[in-house]
Protein backbone atom coordinates (compact mmCIF):
# COMPACT_ATOMS: atom_id res chain seq x y z
CA MET A 1 -20.84 -0.32 8.61
CA LYS A 2 -17.59 -1.88 7.71
CA ILE A 3 -17.07 -3.86 4.50
CA ARG A 4 -14.79 -6.58 5.69
CA SER A 5 -13.51 -7.37 9.17
CA ILE A 6 -10.41 -6.67 10.07
CA PHE A 7 -7.14 -9.53 11.56
CA LEU A 8 -9.06 -12.63 10.11
CA THR A 9 -7.97 -14.74 12.55
CA GLY A 10 -9.52 -18.00 9.86
CA VAL A 11 -7.47 -20.18 7.60
CA ILE A 12 -7.09 -17.58 4.21
CA THR A 13 -5.83 -19.57 1.32
CA MET A 14 -2.83 -17.85 -0.48
CA LEU A 15 -0.29 -18.24 -2.46
CA LEU A 16 2.63 -20.28 -2.07
CA LEU A 17 6.12 -18.91 -2.68
CA SER A 18 8.78 -21.62 -4.52
CA VAL A 19 12.72 -21.55 -4.91
CA ALA A 20 14.55 -23.45 -7.28
CA CYS A 21 18.85 -23.64 -7.24
CA GLY A 22 21.42 -25.53 -8.44
CA GLY A 23 20.36 -25.95 -11.69
CA ASN A 24 16.64 -25.97 -11.99
CA GLU A 25 14.81 -22.31 -13.15
CA GLU A 26 12.28 -21.30 -10.73
CA GLN A 27 8.37 -21.05 -11.68
CA ALA A 28 6.77 -17.26 -11.83
CA SER A 29 4.52 -16.29 -9.43
CA THR A 30 1.84 -14.58 -10.76
CA ASN A 31 0.42 -11.32 -9.50
CA SER A 32 -2.87 -11.69 -6.71
CA SER A 33 -5.68 -9.50 -7.97
CA GLU A 34 -6.44 -6.38 -6.64
CA ASP A 35 -9.38 -5.73 -4.62
CA PRO A 36 -12.67 -5.02 -5.79
CA LYS A 37 -14.24 -1.69 -5.11
CA GLU A 38 -16.91 -2.94 -2.39
CA GLU A 39 -16.96 0.67 -0.76
CA GLU A 40 -18.88 2.12 -3.64
CA ASN A 41 -22.02 1.81 -2.79
CA GLN A 42 -21.18 2.99 1.08
CA SER A 43 -19.76 6.23 -0.40
CA LYS A 44 -22.73 6.58 -3.20
CA ASN A 45 -25.77 5.51 -0.11
CA ASP A 46 -23.82 7.54 1.96
CA GLN A 47 -23.36 11.36 -0.02
CA ALA A 48 -26.26 11.37 -2.40
CA GLU A 49 -28.76 13.56 0.03
CA GLU A 50 -25.62 16.55 -1.27
CA THR A 51 -27.49 19.27 -2.73
CA LYS A 52 -25.02 21.71 -4.78
CA ASN A 53 -23.85 24.67 -4.05
CA ASP A 54 -23.89 27.63 -7.05
CA GLN A 55 -20.88 29.13 -5.18
CA GLU A 56 -17.23 28.41 -6.85
CA PRO A 57 -15.26 25.71 -5.10
CA ALA A 58 -13.39 27.14 -1.96
CA GLU A 59 -11.13 25.38 -0.12
CA GLU A 60 -11.78 23.97 3.39
CA SER A 61 -9.75 22.86 5.99
CA THR A 62 -10.39 20.72 9.39
CA PRO A 63 -7.50 23.07 12.41
CA ALA A 64 -4.69 20.70 13.20
CA THR A 65 -5.07 18.60 17.02
CA ALA A 66 -2.84 18.65 20.17
CA SER A 67 -1.75 16.15 21.94
CA GLY A 68 -3.31 15.41 25.16
CA GLU A 69 -6.34 17.30 23.16
CA ILE A 70 -9.16 14.79 21.56
CA MET A 71 -9.54 15.34 17.77
CA ASN A 72 -13.08 13.72 18.00
CA PRO A 73 -15.49 15.20 20.54
CA ASN A 74 -18.19 13.60 19.18
CA ILE A 75 -16.73 10.00 19.81
CA ALA A 76 -17.82 10.99 24.03
CA GLU A 77 -20.94 13.12 23.20
CA GLU A 78 -22.25 9.86 20.66
CA SER A 79 -21.02 7.28 22.90
CA GLN A 80 -22.23 8.51 26.27
CA GLY A 81 -18.36 6.80 26.96
CA ASP A 82 -14.54 8.22 28.66
CA VAL A 83 -12.62 8.61 25.63
CA GLU A 84 -8.74 8.64 26.25
CA GLU A 85 -5.84 9.52 24.38
CA VAL A 86 -4.44 6.76 23.02
CA TYR A 87 -1.50 8.21 20.59
CA THR A 88 -1.56 11.53 17.91
CA SER A 89 0.61 11.89 15.18
CA GLU A 90 2.54 14.60 13.70
CA ASN A 91 0.21 17.38 11.74
CA ASN A 92 0.82 17.68 8.00
CA LEU A 93 1.83 14.23 7.57
CA ASP A 94 3.29 13.55 4.31
CA TYR A 95 0.95 10.57 3.56
CA VAL A 96 -0.43 11.85 -0.25
CA HIS A 97 -2.22 10.00 -3.02
CA ASP A 98 -1.83 11.95 -6.67
CA MET A 99 -3.81 10.17 -9.12
CA GLU A 100 -2.94 12.73 -11.51
CA GLY A 101 -4.02 15.78 -10.24
CA PHE A 102 -6.42 14.64 -7.43
CA LYS A 103 -4.98 14.03 -3.90
CA VAL A 104 -6.06 11.93 -1.63
CA SER A 105 -4.21 12.75 1.30
CA ILE A 106 -4.29 12.14 5.60
CA ASP A 107 -3.11 14.78 7.49
CA GLN A 108 -3.32 14.13 10.51
CA TYR A 109 -4.88 10.86 13.08
CA GLN A 110 -5.44 9.75 16.37
CA ILE A 111 -6.47 6.77 18.79
CA VAL A 112 -8.28 6.93 21.36
CA LYS A 113 -9.90 4.77 23.78
CA VAL A 114 -13.32 4.87 25.34
CA THR A 115 -15.06 2.70 27.32
CA ASP A 116 -18.22 2.93 29.74
CA MET A 117 -20.55 3.31 26.18
CA ASN A 118 -24.41 3.52 25.39
CA GLU A 119 -25.17 0.34 24.64
CA ASP A 120 -26.41 1.81 20.72
CA MET A 121 -23.42 1.57 20.36
CA TYR A 122 -22.29 -1.92 21.22
CA ILE A 123 -23.05 -2.72 17.34
CA GLN A 124 -20.46 -0.95 16.21
CA PHE A 125 -17.98 -2.98 18.79
CA ASP A 126 -19.47 -6.61 19.05
CA ASP A 127 -21.42 -6.46 21.52
CA GLN A 128 -18.44 -4.81 23.62
CA THR A 129 -19.07 -2.18 25.92
CA ASP A 130 -15.61 -0.51 25.35
CA GLY A 131 -12.93 -0.42 22.24
CA TYR A 132 -10.76 1.60 20.47
CA VAL A 133 -11.74 4.67 17.18
CA VAL A 134 -8.75 5.86 15.12
CA THR A 135 -10.55 9.27 13.79
CA ALA A 136 -8.01 10.87 10.62
CA LYS A 137 -8.75 14.24 9.01
CA VAL A 138 -8.50 13.29 4.73
CA THR A 139 -7.89 16.00 2.08
CA ILE A 140 -9.50 16.15 -1.01
CA ASP A 141 -7.95 17.68 -3.38
CA ASN A 142 -8.83 17.62 -7.07
CA THR A 143 -6.52 20.01 -9.13
CA ARG A 144 -7.50 19.34 -12.00
CA ASP A 145 -9.86 21.17 -14.64
CA GLU A 146 -12.54 19.09 -14.73
CA PRO A 147 -15.14 16.71 -11.97
CA ILE A 148 -13.63 14.18 -10.77
CA TYR A 149 -15.03 10.81 -8.93
CA TYR A 150 -13.40 8.83 -6.47
CA PRO A 151 -15.48 6.23 -5.05
CA SER A 152 -12.99 4.94 -2.48
CA TYR A 153 -10.90 6.00 0.36
CA ILE A 154 -9.19 4.85 3.01
CA ARG A 155 -7.93 0.75 4.92
CA ILE A 156 -6.15 -0.27 7.45
CA GLN A 157 -3.94 -2.92 6.54
CA GLY A 158 -3.81 -5.74 9.77
CA VAL A 159 -1.94 -8.97 8.86
CA ASN A 160 -2.02 -9.18 4.78
CA GLU A 161 -3.24 -6.45 2.63
CA GLY A 162 -6.33 -9.24 2.26
CA ASP A 163 -7.02 -8.43 6.07
CA PHE A 164 -8.56 -4.30 6.23
CA LEU A 165 -11.03 -2.65 7.78
CA SER A 166 -12.42 0.67 6.07
CA SER A 167 -13.14 3.88 6.64
CA GLU A 168 -16.96 5.05 8.07
CA LYS A 169 -18.66 8.39 8.81
CA THR A 170 -19.63 6.68 12.92
CA PHE A 171 -18.92 9.75 14.93
CA VAL A 172 -17.88 12.30 12.34
CA ARG A 173 -21.40 11.99 9.89
CA ASP A 174 -21.86 15.84 9.32
CA GLN A 175 -17.66 16.07 8.74
CA TYR A 176 -17.44 13.83 6.39
CA PRO A 177 -15.46 14.53 3.32
CA LYS A 178 -17.93 15.32 0.70
CA SER A 179 -18.24 18.40 -2.26
CA LYS A 180 -19.89 21.16 -1.86
CA VAL A 181 -20.79 21.99 -5.46
CA GLU A 182 -21.37 18.78 -6.80
CA ASP A 183 -24.83 16.91 -5.89
CA GLU A 184 -24.00 13.54 -7.18
CA PRO A 185 -22.60 11.04 -5.20
CA SER A 186 -18.52 10.43 -5.01
CA LYS A 187 -18.03 13.53 -7.49
CA PHE A 188 -15.57 16.22 -6.68
CA GLY A 189 -15.42 19.64 -8.36
CA ALA A 190 -12.87 21.14 -10.42
CA GLY A 191 -10.43 22.57 -8.69
CA GLU A 192 -12.53 21.36 -5.53
CA LYS A 193 -10.65 20.86 -1.83
CA VAL A 194 -12.48 19.96 0.67
CA SER A 195 -11.30 18.34 4.29
CA GLY A 196 -13.09 16.26 6.60
CA LEU A 197 -13.30 13.48 9.48
CA VAL A 198 -13.38 9.80 8.55
CA THR A 199 -12.76 7.01 11.34
CA PHE A 200 -12.33 3.89 12.04
CA THR A 201 -13.60 1.03 14.69
CA LEU A 202 -11.44 -1.34 16.86
CA THR A 203 -12.45 -3.84 19.18
CA ASN A 204 -10.62 -4.90 21.72
CA ASP A 205 -9.24 -7.69 20.02
CA GLN A 206 -8.57 -6.05 16.88
CA TYR A 207 -6.80 -3.42 18.65
CA ASP A 208 -4.61 -6.27 20.65
CA VAL A 209 -4.13 -7.80 16.65
CA MET A 210 -3.09 -4.69 15.21
CA THR A 211 -0.43 -4.08 17.56
CA ASP A 212 0.80 -7.13 16.57
CA VAL A 213 1.69 -6.77 13.35
CA LYS A 214 2.68 -3.32 11.16
CA PRO A 215 -0.16 -1.99 10.64
CA LYS A 216 -0.18 0.23 7.04
CA PHE A 217 -2.77 3.43 6.19
CA VAL A 218 -3.85 2.43 2.20
CA ILE A 219 -5.35 5.31 0.48
CA GLU A 220 -7.28 3.35 -2.45
CA GLY A 221 -7.07 4.56 -6.07
CA GLY A 222 -9.99 4.75 -8.63
CA ALA A 223 -10.22 8.08 -9.30
CA SER A 224 -12.16 8.78 -12.84
CA ASP A 225 -13.00 11.28 -15.44
CA ASN A 226 -16.59 9.11 -15.71
CA ASP A 227 -19.54 7.63 -13.44
CA GLN A 228 -18.61 4.10 -15.39
CA PHE A 229 -15.17 4.66 -13.32
CA LYS A 230 -13.88 3.43 -17.45
CA ASP A 231 -9.99 3.83 -17.07
CA SER A 232 -9.93 4.85 -13.94
CA PHE A 233 -6.64 5.41 -11.88
CA LYS A 234 -4.89 2.11 -10.92
CA GLY A 235 -2.44 1.44 -7.71
CA ASN A 236 -2.76 1.90 -4.06
CA ALA A 237 -0.19 4.36 -1.41
CA THR A 238 0.61 2.84 1.41
CA PHE A 239 1.91 4.72 4.56
CA ASP A 240 2.82 3.21 8.07
CA LEU A 241 0.09 3.59 10.85
CA ILE A 242 1.88 4.84 13.78
CA TYR A 243 0.16 4.03 17.47
CA GLY A 244 3.21 4.46 19.54
CA GLU A 245 6.62 6.02 20.37
CA GLU A 246 8.35 2.80 20.49
CA GLN A 247 6.61 1.37 17.52
CA LYS A 248 7.99 4.85 15.95
CA ALA A 249 11.31 4.68 16.77
CA GLN A 250 11.59 0.69 14.73
CA VAL A 251 9.64 2.43 12.25
CA GLU A 252 11.80 4.75 11.32
CA SER A 253 14.80 2.78 11.77
CA GLU A 254 13.64 0.58 9.11
CA ALA A 255 12.57 3.65 7.07
CA GLY A 256 15.32 2.80 4.23
CA LEU A 257 14.29 -0.38 3.33
CA TYR A 258 13.17 -0.78 -0.23
CA PRO A 259 8.71 -0.97 -0.67
CA ASP A 260 8.55 -4.54 -1.61
CA GLN A 261 5.53 -6.62 -0.61
CA LEU A 262 7.42 -8.57 2.29
CA THR A 263 7.47 -4.52 3.57
CA THR A 264 4.27 -2.42 2.03
CA GLY A 265 2.00 -5.77 2.63
CA ASN A 266 3.24 -6.97 6.06
CA MET A 267 4.15 -9.87 4.80
CA ALA A 268 7.60 -9.95 7.04
CA ASP A 269 10.11 -8.46 9.03
CA LYS A 270 13.37 -7.83 7.82
CA GLU A 271 16.87 -7.49 8.84
CA MET A 272 19.58 -6.29 6.75
CA ILE A 273 22.60 -8.44 5.98
CA PHE A 274 23.64 -6.03 3.25
CA GLU A 275 23.39 -3.10 1.49
CA LYS A 276 24.39 -0.74 -2.04
CA SER A 277 23.34 1.54 -2.80
CA GLY A 278 24.31 4.83 -5.52
CA ILE A 279 25.51 1.51 -8.06
CA ASP A 280 24.20 3.55 -11.34
CA GLU A 281 25.00 1.78 -13.92
CA THR A 282 23.48 1.85 -16.94
CA LYS A 283 22.21 0.21 -19.83
CA GLN A 284 19.80 0.13 -23.00
CA LEU A 285 17.39 -2.52 -23.97
CA GLY A 286 16.11 -1.05 -27.34
CA ASP A 287 13.86 1.81 -26.05
CA VAL A 288 14.50 2.06 -22.87
CA GLU A 289 17.57 2.70 -20.12
CA ILE A 290 17.70 0.92 -17.79
CA THR A 291 20.07 1.90 -15.14
CA LEU A 292 20.84 -0.28 -11.57
CA ASN A 293 20.86 1.88 -8.13
CA GLY A 294 20.99 -0.23 -5.76
CA VAL A 295 20.47 -3.72 -3.40
CA GLN A 296 20.01 -5.28 -0.42
CA TYR A 297 20.34 -8.20 1.01
CA ALA A 298 17.71 -9.49 4.20
CA ASP A 299 17.50 -12.50 6.59
CA ILE A 300 13.40 -12.63 6.37
CA LYS A 301 10.86 -14.04 9.31
CA PRO A 302 7.55 -14.06 7.73
CA THR A 303 4.69 -12.63 10.17
CA ALA A 304 2.40 -13.98 12.54
CA GLY A 305 -0.67 -15.18 9.44
CA ASN A 306 1.67 -15.35 6.47
CA GLU A 307 3.92 -18.26 7.30
CA GLU A 308 2.18 -20.29 5.26
CA ARG A 309 3.07 -18.27 1.86
CA PHE A 310 6.72 -19.04 2.74
CA SER A 311 5.98 -23.03 3.27
CA ASN A 312 8.29 -24.01 0.69
CA PHE A 313 11.98 -22.20 1.76
CA GLY A 314 11.16 -25.22 4.81
CA ASP A 315 12.34 -23.90 8.63
CA VAL A 316 15.78 -22.87 7.79
CA GLY A 317 15.08 -19.30 7.02
CA ILE A 318 14.65 -17.25 4.18
CA VAL A 319 17.10 -14.18 2.60
CA ALA A 320 15.36 -11.69 0.43
CA VAL A 321 17.15 -9.97 -2.34
CA THR A 322 15.51 -6.72 -3.41
CA VAL A 323 16.96 -5.03 -6.65
CA LYS A 324 16.13 -0.82 -7.44
CA PHE A 325 15.80 0.07 -11.06
CA THR A 326 15.76 2.84 -12.65
CA LEU A 327 13.70 2.57 -16.24
CA ASN A 328 14.00 5.68 -18.51
CA ASN A 329 11.16 5.09 -21.17
CA GLN A 330 12.21 6.60 -23.88
CA SER A 331 9.86 5.19 -26.95
CA ASP A 332 6.87 6.64 -28.03
CA SER A 333 4.49 4.13 -26.49
CA PRO A 334 3.63 3.03 -22.82
CA ILE A 335 6.17 -0.28 -22.07
CA ASN A 336 4.39 -1.97 -19.17
CA THR A 337 6.15 -3.08 -15.97
CA SER A 338 4.15 -5.77 -14.65
CA LEU A 339 4.96 -8.72 -16.78
CA LEU A 340 8.37 -7.59 -16.60
CA SER A 341 10.49 -10.51 -14.69
CA SER A 342 14.27 -10.74 -14.76
CA HIS A 343 16.17 -13.74 -13.81
CA LEU A 344 19.25 -13.91 -11.11
CA LEU A 345 22.17 -16.39 -12.43
CA ILE A 346 24.10 -17.45 -9.57
CA ASP A 347 27.60 -18.21 -9.47
CA GLU A 348 27.79 -18.50 -13.40
CA ASP A 349 26.48 -21.80 -14.64
CA ARG A 350 25.08 -23.13 -11.19
CA GLY A 351 21.66 -22.27 -12.05
CA SER A 352 18.73 -19.53 -11.88
CA VAL A 353 15.95 -18.01 -9.85
CA LEU A 354 13.11 -16.13 -11.27
CA SER A 355 11.83 -12.73 -9.85
CA GLN A 356 9.18 -13.52 -7.48
CA LEU A 357 6.61 -10.96 -9.06
CA MET A 358 3.86 -11.91 -6.21
CA VAL A 359 6.54 -9.68 -3.26
CA GLU A 360 7.60 -7.14 -5.94
CA PRO A 361 5.56 -3.71 -5.67
CA ARG A 362 2.21 -3.43 -8.38
CA GLU A 363 3.04 0.07 -8.87
CA PRO A 364 3.00 0.90 -11.70
CA LYS A 365 2.32 -1.21 -14.62
CA GLU A 366 3.10 1.60 -17.14
CA ILE A 367 5.82 4.25 -17.54
CA LYS A 368 4.35 6.95 -20.24
CA ALA A 369 6.49 7.72 -23.52
CA GLY A 370 8.73 10.02 -22.36
CA GLU A 371 8.98 9.02 -18.61
CA THR A 372 10.87 7.57 -16.09
CA GLY A 373 10.00 4.78 -12.76
CA GLU A 374 11.07 2.53 -10.79
CA LYS A 375 11.09 -0.93 -10.21
CA TYR A 376 12.13 -3.42 -8.05
CA HIS A 377 12.67 -7.30 -8.58
CA VAL A 378 12.75 -9.23 -5.94
CA PHE A 379 14.42 -13.02 -5.65
CA MET A 380 13.90 -15.25 -2.40
CA PHE A 381 16.47 -18.13 -1.02
CA ARG A 382 16.41 -20.75 1.58
CA LYS A 383 19.09 -19.53 3.94
CA ASP A 384 21.57 -22.64 3.68
CA ASP A 385 21.24 -22.28 -0.13
CA PHE A 386 22.15 -18.72 -0.62
CA ASP A 387 24.94 -19.12 2.11
CA SER A 388 26.88 -21.18 -0.69
CA MET A 389 26.03 -18.44 -3.71
CA LYS A 390 29.15 -16.40 -4.42
CA LYS A 391 28.39 -14.27 -7.42
CA PHE A 392 25.07 -13.20 -8.41
CA ASP A 393 24.20 -11.50 -11.68
CA LEU A 394 21.29 -10.39 -13.04
CA GLU A 395 19.92 -10.49 -16.29
CA PHE A 396 17.22 -7.92 -16.56
CA GLY A 397 13.51 -8.89 -19.19
CA PRO A 398 13.33 -8.84 -21.47
CA PHE A 399 10.05 -6.13 -21.97
CA VAL A 400 7.00 -8.15 -22.66
CA GLY A 401 4.23 -6.07 -25.10
CA GLU A 402 0.11 -6.11 -23.66
CA ASP A 403 -0.24 -9.17 -26.66
CA GLY A 404 2.13 -11.10 -24.21
CA LYS A 405 4.87 -11.43 -26.26
CA ASP A 406 8.06 -10.05 -25.64
CA LEU A 407 9.58 -6.84 -27.34
CA TYR A 408 12.97 -5.99 -28.64
CA LYS A 409 13.11 -9.18 -30.50
CA GLY A 410 13.43 -10.67 -26.50
CA LYS A 411 16.93 -8.91 -25.56
CA THR A 412 17.83 -8.85 -21.73
CA VAL A 413 21.02 -7.07 -20.52
CA THR A 414 23.51 -8.52 -17.28
CA PHE A 415 24.18 -7.17 -14.29
CA SER A 416 26.50 -8.19 -11.79
CA LEU A 417 25.57 -7.42 -8.33
CA PRO A 418 27.91 -6.54 -5.34
CA ARG A 419 27.93 -9.90 -3.35
């Protein structure tokens, strides 16, 4: 059963991005809220019938599928339709979400077209006689020394983060990944590793929309050591969903783009203007070592369904400046990065622009004591304004505590960006 319709065609309420130059400082955007875990009840109900196995956890694997071979024969058997391969990914994809030792991976997937189905299957395809099925081989590897609850799985993301299809059991009920040693729903034993199949069913219209955007696989967070999901792992992992060789070549050509939400959230297409990597300039801000790694300047074009997000920029074009940092937390406590913002100072005294939190990566939200992590800041401009700017200085910080107060006396550090 679908949790939410993919590729919505109605009006979607969106936050608008705004920018101010020429002496007026931009208002900060706010991060959109995380999607609720609507899939929890589905996963729990689906696994309630499991019985406990007294054996030690054993690794279970699903064999690879070669091109020209149908990964999931159950589709033809259950639908009584004709199944044609559309695309089969390579095996052993590096699509892994590591939630502090609880790992969920997509190992391989296949897209097939199904025609002339039995009428009993019409409900899965919006009363149509044919459609598409995406089957994914999934591995759940709990390397922790304690059982873990995990009620969420995988989405296919369409136009944007709010437009998605959730994984289901259609055509794979006896091969759905589930624990062999735990009888509680959505619970996986310590050291247990299991594999199986999940599916996504799409109508012809949904598939057409998917091939008009840059679809993604999203492996959800939510792993927890308790059934109340207190302090569960936050954050999703996003990966490209390839559906054809031509699109695969395009995705590979864009592999070097920084992973801001403009790219991973399907908000906009990018065309690189200028890139400088390997800057590696380091400055100290309190107990945190800040390293400027690189910067990318790109023309962006909002993707279909996301135009309204960028309406404040007019129709003269938009430029995004994405800056990559590495933060080394040398303090004895975590530092919050989700509240961290920076200013881009323009031509020394011309004005400043505030970083756009809405289009920046949401993870990591914090960096633990003694650890390092990446941080990206994104600044956006009207194309005509950007073309007239000559010099950029980035004022990084200040860090903000959980109480909303500035840390390290509100101090900042400044880097000059290549222009």
